[in-house]
Amino acid sequence: MPETEVIAMTNVIPLRPVRRPRRPAARPGLVLVSVEWDEGRGLYVTACARCCESATLHHLADADTWAETHHCDPELAALLAVVLDQVAA
């Protein structure tokens, strides 16, 4: 019987971006971040409903990552809540 050699693959680059599990406990409250496709510009637009921060990105994976890792500036969110007569989360 011929001997086989096992070769460990190192430095493998995945063809698709790895999706990290969402961590809902990392955010103190529900922060609504929308990801939408802008047909006119051909870009994904992400926007936070709490602090009004937004970004335009070329790839859905990048937009999804931005939405998952976004953290609101607490001072800005509180100021916007006062101006808009809402409760700061």
Protein backbone atom coordinates (compact mmCIF):
# COMPACT_ATOMS: atom_id res chain seq x y z
CA MET A 1 0.00 0.00 0.00
CA PRO A 2 1.49 3.38 -0.99
CA GLU A 3 2.15 5.95 1.71
CA THR A 4 0.26 9.21 1.54
CA GLU A 5 1.57 12.50 2.75
CA VAL A 6 -0.72 14.94 4.51
CA ILE A 7 0.06 18.56 3.74
CA ALA A 8 -1.33 21.20 6.07
CA MET A 9 -2.65 24.21 4.21
CA THR A 10 -1.47 27.51 5.60
CA ASN A 11 -2.29 31.07 4.57
CA VAL A 12 -5.59 30.04 3.01
CA ILE A 13 -7.55 33.01 1.73
CA PRO A 14 -11.32 32.42 1.85
CA LEU A 15 -13.24 33.20 -1.32
CA ARG A 16 -16.11 34.71 0.63
CA PRO A 17 -15.88 37.06 3.60
CA VAL A 18 -16.21 35.28 6.91
CA ARG A 19 -19.40 36.28 8.70
CA ARG A 20 -18.85 36.90 12.35
CA PRO A 21 -21.69 36.09 14.70
CA ARG A 22 -23.59 39.14 15.87
CA ARG A 23 -23.07 40.17 19.45
CA PRO A 24 -26.28 41.83 20.62
CA ALA A 25 -24.97 42.10 24.19
CA ALA A 26 -22.20 44.46 23.03
CA ARG A 27 -24.69 47.28 22.45
CA PRO A 28 -26.47 48.83 25.42
CA GLY A 29 -29.66 49.44 23.44
CA LEU A 30 -31.17 48.72 20.09
CA VAL A 31 -29.42 50.87 17.49
CA LEU A 32 -31.17 50.88 14.16
CA VAL A 33 -28.61 50.88 11.36
CA SER A 34 -30.09 50.55 7.90
CA VAL A 35 -28.28 49.22 4.83
CA GLU A 36 -29.86 50.17 1.51
CA TRP A 37 -28.86 49.98 -2.16
CA ASP A 38 -28.70 53.33 -3.99
CA GLU A 39 -29.40 52.46 -7.62
CA GLY A 40 -28.48 55.93 -8.91
CA ARG A 41 -24.99 55.97 -7.41
CA GLY A 42 -24.44 52.22 -7.47
CA LEU A 43 -23.45 52.20 -3.79
CA TYR A 44 -24.68 50.73 -0.53
CA VAL A 45 -25.76 53.42 1.93
CA THR A 46 -25.66 52.72 5.66
CA ALA A 47 -27.22 55.08 8.18
CA CYS A 48 -27.65 55.04 11.95
CA ALA A 49 -31.07 56.21 13.16
CA ARG A 50 -29.72 57.22 16.59
CA CYS A 51 -26.71 59.43 15.78
CA CYS A 52 -27.36 60.12 12.06
CA GLU A 53 -23.89 58.90 11.04
CA SER A 54 -23.81 57.37 7.56
CA ALA A 55 -21.43 55.81 5.06
CA THR A 56 -21.49 54.87 1.39
CA LEU A 57 -19.71 51.67 0.40
CA HIS A 58 -19.18 49.67 -2.79
CA HIS A 59 -19.66 46.16 -1.36
CA LEU A 60 -22.48 44.69 0.71
CA ALA A 61 -20.01 42.86 2.95
CA ASP A 62 -18.33 46.18 3.82
CA ALA A 63 -21.70 47.82 4.52
CA ASP A 64 -22.72 44.89 6.73
CA THR A 65 -19.44 45.10 8.65
CA TRP A 66 -19.91 48.86 9.15
CA ALA A 67 -23.43 48.28 10.46
CA GLU A 68 -22.27 45.55 12.85
CA THR A 69 -19.30 47.48 14.26
CA HIS A 70 -20.86 50.97 14.40
CA HIS A 71 -20.85 52.66 17.81
CA CYS A 72 -22.74 55.88 18.36
CA ASP A 73 -21.08 58.87 19.96
CA PRO A 74 -23.02 59.17 23.25
CA GLU A 75 -22.74 62.97 23.41
CA LEU A 76 -23.98 63.41 19.85
CA ALA A 77 -26.85 60.96 20.40
CA ALA A 78 -27.89 62.79 23.58
CA LEU A 79 -27.72 66.18 21.84
CA LEU A 80 -29.82 64.92 18.94
CA ALA A 81 -32.32 63.42 21.37
CA VAL A 82 -32.72 66.79 23.10
CA VAL A 83 -33.08 68.67 19.81
CA LEU A 84 -35.53 66.14 18.38
CA ASP A 85 -37.46 65.66 21.69
CA GLN A 86 -36.62 61.97 21.91
CA VAL A 87 -35.17 59.79 24.63
CA ALA A 88 -31.47 59.04 24.25
CA ALA A 89 -30.94 55.28 24.26
